Structures are given as structure tokens and as C-alpha cells.
Amino acid sequence: MPAPASLSTRVLLVCAAIGVASGLVGSAAGWITTAVLLTAPMLYGLVLGAHVIPGIIAQEALHLPWVALLSHVLAALVASATAPQWAGRFIGTALLFGGIQEGVAALTRYRVWKVWRYFISAAIIGILVAVVVALAVDLGQFALWAQIVYVVVAVLGPVVWTALGLLIGAKLRQAGIGRRPVRR
């Protein structure tokens, strides 16, 4: 595991930038939640899945412990400032999703950064999202086909957002964001 100095000022600033940018995405997700639930409730899992993005981008760009949770909390604070009606949910989701992403990374002792590892956390989060969505909208009121679509979209939402986060994180890493400074 990297030394405690791995959360340097540079790393904190990268997490802050990721948190602000993805917090705006989370804010947008918060603002459209009510409209989605009223008009196209089967898409709610895709909207809720957007909240995986800060941790995925941070972990892929930096390959360090604690960056997922830190980026999630910062994103939740930004989203809460712009969509305050969802503040409690933003912070709870940040802690849950960031905790899951950190937990999966910790199981590999923060040494395995392969794509499959990210999708394990996405699948775990997707299953949790499916359960939450099922409870939030009383899934039993829908026809069987709609229930199936609902659950599939709820599970795939975090997976789709994870793929996007991996792409963004990889591009940041290629741009040198994840490179550790050379000491002279």
C-alpha cells in the first residue's frame, strides 16, 4: 500500500477537480430525478447510477487508496450546493458508493487496477441500486416485462457509468494526471 504521503496536495487537488466536475453531473441527476420518476421510471437506475463516476475516475486516474471516497464526498458537497433538496441522499450515496469502490480496491490491497475490478464494484452497486429502485417505486405495481426492464436498467446503470468513468480516468492518466512527480 502506498505511504500516507500519497494524499499529497497534488492528489487532493485532482480529487477536488474530479469532485467538482462529477458533482455537477450528480446535481443534474438530482434535478431530473423527479421528472424521470414521473415520466419514465424505468430509467431511474440509469440516473442513480451516475453517482458512481467520481470514484471511478479518481481511482483510474490516480491508482491510490482513499481517492474514490474523497472524490465522492467532494462531489456530494458540490451536488448538495446546487440541488440542496437531495443533500442527504447525495452524501449517503457518496459514502456508500465510495465505500464499496474503496472496499473492492482494498481487497486487492490497492495493487490491482484492471478493468474487471472496477466492474465488480459496479455490479455490487448495480444490485444495490436495483433493490433501492424496486423499493422506491413499488415494483410490484408494474407488468412483469416492466419489472424486468426496471431491474436490468438499474443494474446496468452503474456499469454504463463505470465504463464512462474508466474512459475519462484513462484519458486523465494519459494526460499525466496520475503520474507521480519525479523527486530530484
N, C-alpha and C. Protein backbone atom coordinates (compact mmCIF):
# COMPACT_ATOMS: atom_id res chain seq x y z
N MET A 1 0.85 -1.17 0.00
CA MET A 1 0.00 0.00 0.00
C MET A 1 0.90 1.24 0.00
N PRO A 2 0.52 2.28 -0.78
CA PRO A 2 1.33 3.49 -0.81
C PRO A 2 1.41 4.14 0.56
N ALA A 3 2.49 4.87 0.76
CA ALA A 3 2.70 5.57 2.02
C ALA A 3 1.64 6.64 2.22
N PRO A 4 1.41 7.06 3.48
CA PRO A 4 0.40 8.08 3.75
C PRO A 4 0.62 9.36 2.96
N ALA A 5 1.84 9.62 2.53
CA ALA A 5 2.12 10.83 1.74
C ALA A 5 1.45 10.79 0.38
N SER A 6 0.81 9.67 0.03
CA SER A 6 0.16 9.55 -1.27
C SER A 6 -1.01 10.52 -1.42
N LEU A 7 -1.53 11.02 -0.32
CA LEU A 7 -2.58 12.03 -0.41
C LEU A 7 -1.93 13.42 -0.32
N SER A 8 -1.06 13.66 -1.26
CA SER A 8 -0.35 14.92 -1.33
C SER A 8 -1.30 16.04 -1.77
N THR A 9 -0.80 17.23 -1.76
CA THR A 9 -1.58 18.37 -2.22
C THR A 9 -2.03 18.16 -3.65
N ARG A 10 -1.14 17.64 -4.47
CA ARG A 10 -1.47 17.37 -5.88
C ARG A 10 -2.64 16.39 -5.98
N VAL A 11 -2.58 15.32 -5.22
CA VAL A 11 -3.65 14.32 -5.24
C VAL A 11 -4.97 14.94 -4.74
N LEU A 12 -4.89 15.71 -3.67
CA LEU A 12 -6.09 16.36 -3.14
C LEU A 12 -6.70 17.31 -4.16
N LEU A 13 -5.87 18.04 -4.88
CA LEU A 13 -6.38 18.96 -5.91
C LEU A 13 -7.02 18.21 -7.08
N VAL A 14 -6.43 17.09 -7.46
CA VAL A 14 -7.02 16.27 -8.53
C VAL A 14 -8.37 15.74 -8.07
N CYS A 15 -8.44 15.24 -6.85
CA CYS A 15 -9.71 14.74 -6.31
C CYS A 15 -10.74 15.87 -6.23
N ALA A 16 -10.31 17.06 -5.87
CA ALA A 16 -11.22 18.20 -5.80
C ALA A 16 -11.77 18.54 -7.18
N ALA A 17 -10.90 18.53 -8.19
CA ALA A 17 -11.36 18.82 -9.56
C ALA A 17 -12.34 17.76 -10.04
N ILE A 18 -12.03 16.50 -9.77
CA ILE A 18 -12.93 15.41 -10.15
C ILE A 18 -14.24 15.55 -9.38
N GLY A 19 -14.14 15.88 -8.09
CA GLY A 19 -15.34 16.06 -7.27
C GLY A 19 -16.24 17.17 -7.77
N VAL A 20 -15.66 18.29 -8.16
CA VAL A 20 -16.46 19.41 -8.66
C VAL A 20 -17.14 19.03 -9.97
N ALA A 21 -16.37 18.50 -10.91
CA ALA A 21 -16.95 18.15 -12.21
C ALA A 21 -18.03 17.08 -12.09
N SER A 22 -17.74 16.03 -11.33
CA SER A 22 -18.74 14.96 -11.20
C SER A 22 -19.86 15.36 -10.26
N GLY A 23 -19.60 16.31 -9.36
CA GLY A 23 -20.68 16.84 -8.52
C GLY A 23 -21.73 17.56 -9.35
N LEU A 24 -21.30 18.21 -10.41
CA LEU A 24 -22.26 18.86 -11.31
C LEU A 24 -23.10 17.82 -12.05
N VAL A 25 -22.48 16.69 -12.40
CA VAL A 25 -23.23 15.58 -13.01
C VAL A 25 -24.24 15.04 -12.00
N GLY A 26 -23.80 14.87 -10.76
CA GLY A 26 -24.70 14.39 -9.70
C GLY A 26 -25.84 15.36 -9.44
N SER A 27 -25.54 16.64 -9.50
CA SER A 27 -26.56 17.66 -9.34
C SER A 27 -27.61 17.56 -10.44
N ALA A 28 -27.15 17.41 -11.67
CA ALA A 28 -28.07 17.27 -12.80
C ALA A 28 -28.94 16.02 -12.61
N ALA A 29 -28.32 14.93 -12.15
CA ALA A 29 -29.08 13.71 -11.88
C ALA A 29 -30.14 13.97 -10.82
N GLY A 30 -29.77 14.73 -9.79
CA GLY A 30 -30.74 15.06 -8.75
C GLY A 30 -31.91 15.88 -9.29
N TRP A 31 -31.59 16.86 -10.12
CA TRP A 31 -32.65 17.72 -10.65
C TRP A 31 -33.59 16.99 -11.60
N ILE A 32 -33.11 15.99 -12.31
CA ILE A 32 -34.01 15.29 -13.24
C ILE A 32 -34.69 14.08 -12.61
N THR A 33 -34.32 13.73 -11.38
CA THR A 33 -34.88 12.55 -10.73
C THR A 33 -36.40 12.56 -10.69
N THR A 34 -37.00 13.64 -10.22
CA THR A 34 -38.46 13.70 -10.10
C THR A 34 -39.12 13.53 -11.46
N ALA A 35 -38.60 14.22 -12.46
CA ALA A 35 -39.18 14.12 -13.81
C ALA A 35 -39.06 12.69 -14.35
N VAL A 36 -37.93 12.06 -14.11
CA VAL A 36 -37.73 10.68 -14.58
C VAL A 36 -38.70 9.74 -13.86
N LEU A 37 -38.83 9.91 -12.55
CA LEU A 37 -39.74 9.03 -11.80
C LEU A 37 -41.19 9.21 -12.23
N LEU A 38 -41.55 10.42 -12.65
CA LEU A 38 -42.93 10.67 -13.07
C LEU A 38 -43.20 10.26 -14.52
N THR A 39 -42.20 10.38 -15.39
CA THR A 39 -42.43 10.14 -16.81
C THR A 39 -41.84 8.84 -17.34
N ALA A 40 -40.69 8.44 -16.85
CA ALA A 40 -40.02 7.24 -17.35
C ALA A 40 -39.32 6.54 -16.20
N PRO A 41 -40.09 6.05 -15.22
CA PRO A 41 -39.49 5.50 -14.01
C PRO A 41 -38.52 4.34 -14.26
N MET A 42 -38.66 3.66 -15.39
CA MET A 42 -37.75 2.55 -15.67
C MET A 42 -36.32 3.02 -15.89
N LEU A 43 -36.12 4.30 -16.12
CA LEU A 43 -34.78 4.84 -16.35
C LEU A 43 -34.10 5.34 -15.08
N TYR A 44 -34.79 5.25 -13.96
CA TYR A 44 -34.25 5.80 -12.72
C TYR A 44 -32.92 5.15 -12.34
N GLY A 45 -32.74 3.88 -12.58
CA GLY A 45 -31.48 3.21 -12.27
C GLY A 45 -30.32 3.79 -13.05
N LEU A 46 -30.58 4.23 -14.27
CA LEU A 46 -29.54 4.87 -15.07
C LEU A 46 -29.17 6.22 -14.48
N VAL A 47 -30.17 6.95 -14.00
CA VAL A 47 -29.92 8.25 -13.37
C VAL A 47 -29.15 8.06 -12.07
N LEU A 48 -29.60 7.15 -11.23
CA LEU A 48 -28.94 6.91 -9.95
C LEU A 48 -27.52 6.37 -10.14
N GLY A 49 -27.32 5.61 -11.19
CA GLY A 49 -26.00 5.05 -11.48
C GLY A 49 -24.94 6.10 -11.77
N ALA A 50 -25.35 7.30 -12.13
CA ALA A 50 -24.40 8.38 -12.43
C ALA A 50 -23.53 8.70 -11.22
N HIS A 51 -23.99 8.36 -10.07
CA HIS A 51 -23.25 8.70 -8.85
C HIS A 51 -22.01 7.82 -8.61
N VAL A 52 -21.73 6.86 -9.49
CA VAL A 52 -20.51 6.06 -9.34
C VAL A 52 -19.30 6.77 -9.93
N ILE A 53 -19.54 7.77 -10.73
CA ILE A 53 -18.48 8.34 -11.58
C ILE A 53 -17.31 8.99 -10.82
N PRO A 54 -17.50 9.73 -9.72
CA PRO A 54 -16.33 10.36 -9.11
C PRO A 54 -15.26 9.37 -8.67
N GLY A 55 -15.68 8.30 -8.03
CA GLY A 55 -14.71 7.32 -7.53
C GLY A 55 -14.01 6.57 -8.63
N ILE A 56 -14.73 6.24 -9.68
CA ILE A 56 -14.14 5.51 -10.80
C ILE A 56 -13.08 6.37 -11.49
N ILE A 57 -13.43 7.61 -11.77
CA ILE A 57 -12.46 8.50 -12.42
C ILE A 57 -11.22 8.67 -11.54
N ALA A 58 -11.42 8.92 -10.26
CA ALA A 58 -10.29 9.15 -9.36
C ALA A 58 -9.41 7.91 -9.25
N GLN A 59 -10.03 6.75 -9.08
CA GLN A 59 -9.21 5.54 -8.95
C GLN A 59 -8.46 5.22 -10.24
N GLU A 60 -9.12 5.39 -11.36
CA GLU A 60 -8.45 5.08 -12.63
C GLU A 60 -7.35 6.08 -12.94
N ALA A 61 -7.56 7.34 -12.61
CA ALA A 61 -6.54 8.36 -12.90
C ALA A 61 -5.35 8.27 -11.95
N LEU A 62 -5.60 7.95 -10.68
CA LEU A 62 -4.56 8.06 -9.66
C LEU A 62 -4.01 6.73 -9.14
N HIS A 63 -4.81 5.67 -9.17
CA HIS A 63 -4.40 4.36 -8.64
C HIS A 63 -3.88 4.47 -7.21
N LEU A 64 -4.66 5.13 -6.35
CA LEU A 64 -4.27 5.32 -4.96
C LEU A 64 -5.44 5.02 -4.02
N PRO A 65 -5.13 4.65 -2.77
CA PRO A 65 -6.19 4.46 -1.78
C PRO A 65 -6.86 5.78 -1.42
N TRP A 66 -8.08 5.70 -1.03
CA TRP A 66 -8.90 6.79 -0.49
C TRP A 66 -9.36 7.82 -1.51
N VAL A 67 -8.87 7.76 -2.73
CA VAL A 67 -9.26 8.80 -3.70
C VAL A 67 -10.72 8.66 -4.15
N ALA A 68 -11.24 7.43 -4.16
CA ALA A 68 -12.65 7.24 -4.54
C ALA A 68 -13.55 7.88 -3.49
N LEU A 69 -13.32 7.56 -2.25
CA LEU A 69 -14.17 8.10 -1.18
C LEU A 69 -14.05 9.62 -1.09
N LEU A 70 -12.84 10.11 -1.18
CA LEU A 70 -12.62 11.56 -1.13
C LEU A 70 -13.33 12.27 -2.28
N SER A 71 -13.18 11.76 -3.48
CA SER A 71 -13.83 12.38 -4.64
C SER A 71 -15.35 12.31 -4.54
N HIS A 72 -15.85 11.19 -4.03
CA HIS A 72 -17.30 11.05 -3.83
C HIS A 72 -17.84 12.08 -2.86
N VAL A 73 -17.16 12.25 -1.74
CA VAL A 73 -17.64 13.20 -0.73
C VAL A 73 -17.59 14.63 -1.28
N LEU A 74 -16.53 14.97 -1.97
CA LEU A 74 -16.44 16.30 -2.57
C LEU A 74 -17.53 16.51 -3.62
N ALA A 75 -17.78 15.48 -4.43
CA ALA A 75 -18.85 15.56 -5.43
C ALA A 75 -20.21 15.74 -4.76
N ALA A 76 -20.42 15.04 -3.65
CA ALA A 76 -21.69 15.16 -2.93
C ALA A 76 -21.87 16.57 -2.36
N LEU A 77 -20.80 17.16 -1.88
CA LEU A 77 -20.90 18.52 -1.36
C LEU A 77 -21.23 19.52 -2.47
N VAL A 78 -20.62 19.35 -3.63
CA VAL A 78 -20.93 20.22 -4.78
C VAL A 78 -22.37 20.02 -5.21
N ALA A 79 -22.77 18.77 -5.36
CA ALA A 79 -24.15 18.48 -5.78
C ALA A 79 -25.15 19.01 -4.76
N SER A 80 -24.82 18.91 -3.48
CA SER A 80 -25.71 19.41 -2.42
C SER A 80 -25.86 20.92 -2.48
N ALA A 81 -24.82 21.61 -2.90
CA ALA A 81 -24.89 23.07 -3.01
C ALA A 81 -25.77 23.50 -4.17
N THR A 82 -25.84 22.66 -5.19
CA THR A 82 -26.62 23.04 -6.38
C THR A 82 -27.99 22.37 -6.45
N ALA A 83 -28.20 21.34 -5.67
CA ALA A 83 -29.50 20.67 -5.58
C ALA A 83 -29.73 20.29 -4.11
N PRO A 84 -29.92 21.30 -3.24
CA PRO A 84 -29.95 21.05 -1.80
C PRO A 84 -31.06 20.12 -1.33
N GLN A 85 -32.11 19.99 -2.09
CA GLN A 85 -33.20 19.10 -1.68
C GLN A 85 -32.76 17.64 -1.60
N TRP A 86 -31.65 17.31 -2.23
CA TRP A 86 -31.15 15.94 -2.23
C TRP A 86 -29.87 15.78 -1.40
N ALA A 87 -29.51 16.76 -0.60
CA ALA A 87 -28.23 16.76 0.12
C ALA A 87 -28.00 15.47 0.91
N GLY A 88 -28.97 15.06 1.69
CA GLY A 88 -28.81 13.85 2.49
C GLY A 88 -28.57 12.62 1.64
N ARG A 89 -29.30 12.53 0.55
CA ARG A 89 -29.13 11.38 -0.34
C ARG A 89 -27.79 11.43 -1.07
N PHE A 90 -27.37 12.62 -1.46
CA PHE A 90 -26.06 12.75 -2.12
C PHE A 90 -24.95 12.28 -1.19
N ILE A 91 -24.98 12.71 0.05
CA ILE A 91 -23.92 12.35 0.99
C ILE A 91 -23.98 10.86 1.34
N GLY A 92 -25.17 10.36 1.57
CA GLY A 92 -25.32 8.92 1.84
C GLY A 92 -24.86 8.07 0.67
N THR A 93 -25.23 8.47 -0.54
CA THR A 93 -24.81 7.73 -1.73
C THR A 93 -23.31 7.81 -1.91
N ALA A 94 -22.73 8.97 -1.64
CA ALA A 94 -21.26 9.13 -1.76
C ALA A 94 -20.54 8.19 -0.81
N LEU A 95 -21.00 8.13 0.42
CA LEU A 95 -20.36 7.25 1.40
C LEU A 95 -20.53 5.78 1.03
N LEU A 96 -21.73 5.42 0.57
CA LEU A 96 -21.99 4.03 0.20
C LEU A 96 -21.21 3.63 -1.05
N PHE A 97 -21.38 4.38 -2.13
CA PHE A 97 -20.71 4.03 -3.38
C PHE A 97 -19.19 4.14 -3.25
N GLY A 98 -18.72 5.23 -2.64
CA GLY A 98 -17.27 5.39 -2.44
C GLY A 98 -16.72 4.30 -1.55
N GLY A 99 -17.47 3.92 -0.51
CA GLY A 99 -17.06 2.85 0.38
C GLY A 99 -16.96 1.51 -0.34
N ILE A 100 -17.91 1.24 -1.21
CA ILE A 100 -17.87 -0.01 -1.98
C ILE A 100 -16.66 -0.01 -2.91
N GLN A 101 -16.45 1.10 -3.61
CA GLN A 101 -15.31 1.17 -4.52
C GLN A 101 -13.98 1.04 -3.78
N GLU A 102 -13.86 1.69 -2.63
CA GLU A 102 -12.65 1.56 -1.82
C GLU A 102 -12.51 0.13 -1.29
N GLY A 103 -13.62 -0.45 -0.88
CA GLY A 103 -13.58 -1.81 -0.35
C GLY A 103 -13.10 -2.83 -1.36
N VAL A 104 -13.59 -2.72 -2.58
CA VAL A 104 -13.14 -3.64 -3.64
C VAL A 104 -11.65 -3.43 -3.92
N ALA A 105 -11.23 -2.17 -3.98
CA ALA A 105 -9.80 -1.89 -4.20
C ALA A 105 -8.95 -2.40 -3.03
N ALA A 106 -9.46 -2.27 -1.81
CA ALA A 106 -8.72 -2.72 -0.63
C ALA A 106 -8.57 -4.24 -0.63
N LEU A 107 -9.56 -4.94 -1.16
CA LEU A 107 -9.45 -6.41 -1.22
C LEU A 107 -8.26 -6.85 -2.07
N THR A 108 -7.87 -6.02 -3.01
CA THR A 108 -6.69 -6.32 -3.82
C THR A 108 -5.46 -5.56 -3.31
N ARG A 109 -5.59 -5.01 -2.09
CA ARG A 109 -4.53 -4.25 -1.43
C ARG A 109 -4.05 -3.08 -2.28
N TYR A 110 -4.98 -2.53 -3.04
CA TYR A 110 -4.69 -1.38 -3.90
C TYR A 110 -3.55 -1.65 -4.88
N ARG A 111 -3.46 -2.89 -5.33
CA ARG A 111 -2.40 -3.26 -6.27
C ARG A 111 -2.94 -3.66 -7.64
N VAL A 112 -4.22 -3.97 -7.72
CA VAL A 112 -4.82 -4.42 -8.98
C VAL A 112 -5.73 -3.33 -9.51
N TRP A 113 -5.39 -2.82 -10.67
CA TRP A 113 -6.18 -1.74 -11.28
C TRP A 113 -6.71 -2.16 -12.64
N LYS A 114 -6.98 -3.42 -12.79
CA LYS A 114 -7.52 -3.95 -14.04
C LYS A 114 -8.99 -3.56 -14.17
N VAL A 115 -9.47 -3.55 -15.39
CA VAL A 115 -10.84 -3.12 -15.68
C VAL A 115 -11.86 -3.98 -14.94
N TRP A 116 -11.63 -5.29 -14.86
CA TRP A 116 -12.59 -6.17 -14.21
C TRP A 116 -12.87 -5.76 -12.78
N ARG A 117 -11.85 -5.21 -12.07
CA ARG A 117 -12.03 -4.84 -10.68
C ARG A 117 -13.05 -3.72 -10.53
N TYR A 118 -13.02 -2.78 -11.45
CA TYR A 118 -13.98 -1.67 -11.41
C TYR A 118 -15.40 -2.19 -11.65
N PHE A 119 -15.52 -3.16 -12.54
CA PHE A 119 -16.85 -3.67 -12.86
C PHE A 119 -17.41 -4.56 -11.74
N ILE A 120 -16.56 -5.08 -10.88
CA ILE A 120 -17.06 -5.80 -9.70
C ILE A 120 -17.78 -4.80 -8.78
N SER A 121 -17.14 -3.66 -8.53
CA SER A 121 -17.81 -2.65 -7.69
C SER A 121 -19.06 -2.13 -8.39
N ALA A 122 -19.02 -1.98 -9.72
CA ALA A 122 -20.20 -1.52 -10.46
C ALA A 122 -21.36 -2.51 -10.32
N ALA A 123 -21.05 -3.80 -10.40
CA ALA A 123 -22.09 -4.82 -10.27
C ALA A 123 -22.69 -4.83 -8.86
N ILE A 124 -21.84 -4.70 -7.85
CA ILE A 124 -22.34 -4.65 -6.47
C ILE A 124 -23.25 -3.44 -6.29
N ILE A 125 -22.80 -2.29 -6.78
CA ILE A 125 -23.61 -1.08 -6.68
C ILE A 125 -24.88 -1.23 -7.49
N GLY A 126 -24.78 -1.84 -8.68
CA GLY A 126 -25.97 -2.04 -9.52
C GLY A 126 -27.03 -2.89 -8.83
N ILE A 127 -26.60 -3.92 -8.14
CA ILE A 127 -27.55 -4.76 -7.41
C ILE A 127 -28.21 -3.95 -6.29
N LEU A 128 -27.41 -3.17 -5.57
CA LEU A 128 -27.97 -2.30 -4.53
C LEU A 128 -28.96 -1.29 -5.12
N VAL A 129 -28.59 -0.70 -6.26
CA VAL A 129 -29.48 0.25 -6.93
C VAL A 129 -30.78 -0.43 -7.32
N ALA A 130 -30.71 -1.65 -7.84
CA ALA A 130 -31.91 -2.38 -8.24
C ALA A 130 -32.84 -2.59 -7.04
N VAL A 131 -32.27 -2.92 -5.89
CA VAL A 131 -33.08 -3.12 -4.69
C VAL A 131 -33.73 -1.80 -4.26
N VAL A 132 -32.92 -0.74 -4.23
CA VAL A 132 -33.45 0.58 -3.83
C VAL A 132 -34.54 1.03 -4.79
N VAL A 133 -34.29 0.87 -6.08
CA VAL A 133 -35.27 1.28 -7.09
C VAL A 133 -36.55 0.47 -6.92
N ALA A 134 -36.43 -0.81 -6.70
CA ALA A 134 -37.61 -1.67 -6.53
C ALA A 134 -38.45 -1.21 -5.34
N LEU A 135 -37.79 -0.83 -4.26
CA LEU A 135 -38.50 -0.36 -3.08
C LEU A 135 -39.08 1.05 -3.29
N ALA A 136 -38.33 1.90 -3.97
CA ALA A 136 -38.74 3.30 -4.14
C ALA A 136 -39.97 3.45 -5.02
N VAL A 137 -40.13 2.56 -5.98
CA VAL A 137 -41.23 2.74 -6.94
C VAL A 137 -42.30 1.66 -6.83
N ASP A 138 -42.23 0.80 -5.81
CA ASP A 138 -43.17 -0.30 -5.66
C ASP A 138 -43.25 -1.10 -6.96
N LEU A 139 -42.19 -1.80 -7.23
CA LEU A 139 -42.02 -2.53 -8.48
C LEU A 139 -43.17 -3.48 -8.80
N GLY A 140 -43.82 -4.01 -7.78
CA GLY A 140 -44.91 -4.94 -7.98
C GLY A 140 -46.11 -4.36 -8.71
N GLN A 141 -46.21 -3.06 -8.79
CA GLN A 141 -47.34 -2.42 -9.48
C GLN A 141 -47.22 -2.48 -11.00
N PHE A 142 -46.05 -2.85 -11.52
CA PHE A 142 -45.81 -2.86 -12.95
C PHE A 142 -45.99 -4.26 -13.53
N ALA A 143 -46.21 -4.30 -14.84
CA ALA A 143 -46.29 -5.57 -15.56
C ALA A 143 -44.93 -6.28 -15.46
N LEU A 144 -44.92 -7.59 -15.64
CA LEU A 144 -43.70 -8.38 -15.49
C LEU A 144 -42.59 -7.86 -16.40
N TRP A 145 -42.91 -7.56 -17.67
CA TRP A 145 -41.87 -7.08 -18.59
C TRP A 145 -41.27 -5.77 -18.08
N ALA A 146 -42.09 -4.90 -17.51
CA ALA A 146 -41.60 -3.63 -17.00
C ALA A 146 -40.72 -3.84 -15.76
N GLN A 147 -41.09 -4.81 -14.93
CA GLN A 147 -40.26 -5.12 -13.77
C GLN A 147 -38.88 -5.61 -14.20
N ILE A 148 -38.85 -6.45 -15.22
CA ILE A 148 -37.58 -6.98 -15.72
C ILE A 148 -36.72 -5.86 -16.29
N VAL A 149 -37.33 -4.99 -17.11
CA VAL A 149 -36.59 -3.86 -17.68
C VAL A 149 -36.07 -2.96 -16.57
N TYR A 150 -36.91 -2.71 -15.59
CA TYR A 150 -36.54 -1.87 -14.45
C TYR A 150 -35.28 -2.39 -13.76
N VAL A 151 -35.28 -3.68 -13.45
CA VAL A 151 -34.14 -4.28 -12.74
C VAL A 151 -32.90 -4.30 -13.62
N VAL A 152 -33.06 -4.64 -14.89
CA VAL A 152 -31.91 -4.69 -15.79
C VAL A 152 -31.29 -3.30 -15.93
N VAL A 153 -32.11 -2.28 -16.12
CA VAL A 153 -31.59 -0.91 -16.25
C VAL A 153 -30.94 -0.46 -14.94
N ALA A 154 -31.53 -0.83 -13.80
CA ALA A 154 -30.96 -0.45 -12.50
C ALA A 154 -29.59 -1.08 -12.29
N VAL A 155 -29.42 -2.32 -12.71
CA VAL A 155 -28.12 -2.99 -12.55
C VAL A 155 -27.12 -2.46 -13.58
N LEU A 156 -27.58 -2.22 -14.80
CA LEU A 156 -26.67 -1.77 -15.85
C LEU A 156 -26.30 -0.29 -15.75
N GLY A 157 -27.12 0.53 -15.08
CA GLY A 157 -26.82 1.95 -14.95
C GLY A 157 -25.43 2.21 -14.39
N PRO A 158 -25.11 1.66 -13.22
CA PRO A 158 -23.75 1.86 -12.68
C PRO A 158 -22.66 1.26 -13.56
N VAL A 159 -22.98 0.18 -14.27
CA VAL A 159 -21.99 -0.44 -15.16
C VAL A 159 -21.68 0.50 -16.33
N VAL A 160 -22.71 1.11 -16.91
CA VAL A 160 -22.52 2.04 -18.02
C VAL A 160 -21.73 3.26 -17.56
N TRP A 161 -22.10 3.82 -16.40
CA TRP A 161 -21.39 4.99 -15.88
C TRP A 161 -19.96 4.63 -15.50
N THR A 162 -19.73 3.40 -15.04
CA THR A 162 -18.37 2.96 -14.74
C THR A 162 -17.53 2.93 -16.00
N ALA A 163 -18.09 2.43 -17.09
CA ALA A 163 -17.35 2.41 -18.36
C ALA A 163 -16.97 3.83 -18.78
N LEU A 164 -17.89 4.76 -18.64
CA LEU A 164 -17.60 6.16 -18.98
C LEU A 164 -16.52 6.72 -18.04
N GLY A 165 -16.63 6.44 -16.76
CA GLY A 165 -15.64 6.91 -15.79
C GLY A 165 -14.26 6.34 -16.07
N LEU A 166 -14.20 5.07 -16.47
CA LEU A 166 -12.91 4.47 -16.82
C LEU A 166 -12.29 5.16 -18.02
N LEU A 167 -13.11 5.49 -19.00
CA LEU A 167 -12.61 6.19 -20.18
C LEU A 167 -12.05 7.56 -19.80
N ILE A 168 -12.79 8.31 -19.00
CA ILE A 168 -12.33 9.64 -18.57
C ILE A 168 -11.07 9.52 -17.73
N GLY A 169 -11.07 8.59 -16.77
CA GLY A 169 -9.90 8.39 -15.91
C GLY A 169 -8.67 7.99 -16.71
N ALA A 170 -8.86 7.12 -17.71
CA ALA A 170 -7.72 6.69 -18.54
C ALA A 170 -7.17 7.87 -19.34
N LYS A 171 -8.06 8.71 -19.84
CA LYS A 171 -7.61 9.89 -20.59
C LYS A 171 -6.85 10.86 -19.68
N LEU A 172 -7.33 11.03 -18.45
CA LEU A 172 -6.61 11.89 -17.50
C LEU A 172 -5.24 11.31 -17.19
N ARG A 173 -5.19 10.00 -17.02
CA ARG A 173 -3.92 9.34 -16.73
C ARG A 173 -2.94 9.51 -17.91
N GLN A 174 -3.47 9.34 -19.14
CA GLN A 174 -2.64 9.53 -20.34
C GLN A 174 -2.13 10.97 -20.43
N ALA A 175 -2.92 11.91 -19.95
CA ALA A 175 -2.53 13.32 -19.97
C ALA A 175 -1.51 13.64 -18.87
N GLY A 176 -1.20 12.67 -18.02
CA GLY A 176 -0.19 12.87 -16.99
C GLY A 176 -0.73 13.20 -15.62
N ILE A 177 -2.04 13.17 -15.45
CA ILE A 177 -2.64 13.50 -14.15
C ILE A 177 -2.22 12.49 -13.08
N GLY A 178 -2.14 11.23 -13.42
CA GLY A 178 -1.81 10.22 -12.42
C GLY A 178 -0.34 10.01 -12.19
N ARG A 179 0.48 10.65 -12.98
CA ARG A 179 1.92 10.49 -12.84
C ARG A 179 2.42 11.10 -11.55
N ARG A 180 3.25 10.36 -10.86
CA ARG A 180 3.82 10.88 -9.62
C ARG A 180 4.99 11.80 -9.96
N PRO A 181 5.11 12.89 -9.24
CA PRO A 181 6.22 13.80 -9.54
C PRO A 181 7.57 13.15 -9.32
N VAL A 182 8.51 13.51 -10.13
CA VAL A 182 9.87 12.99 -10.02
C VAL A 182 10.62 13.85 -9.01
N ARG A 183 11.20 13.20 -8.03
CA ARG A 183 11.97 13.93 -7.00
C ARG A 183 13.41 14.05 -7.46
N ARG A 184 13.94 15.22 -7.31
CA ARG A 184 15.33 15.46 -7.74
C ARG A 184 16.19 15.81 -6.60
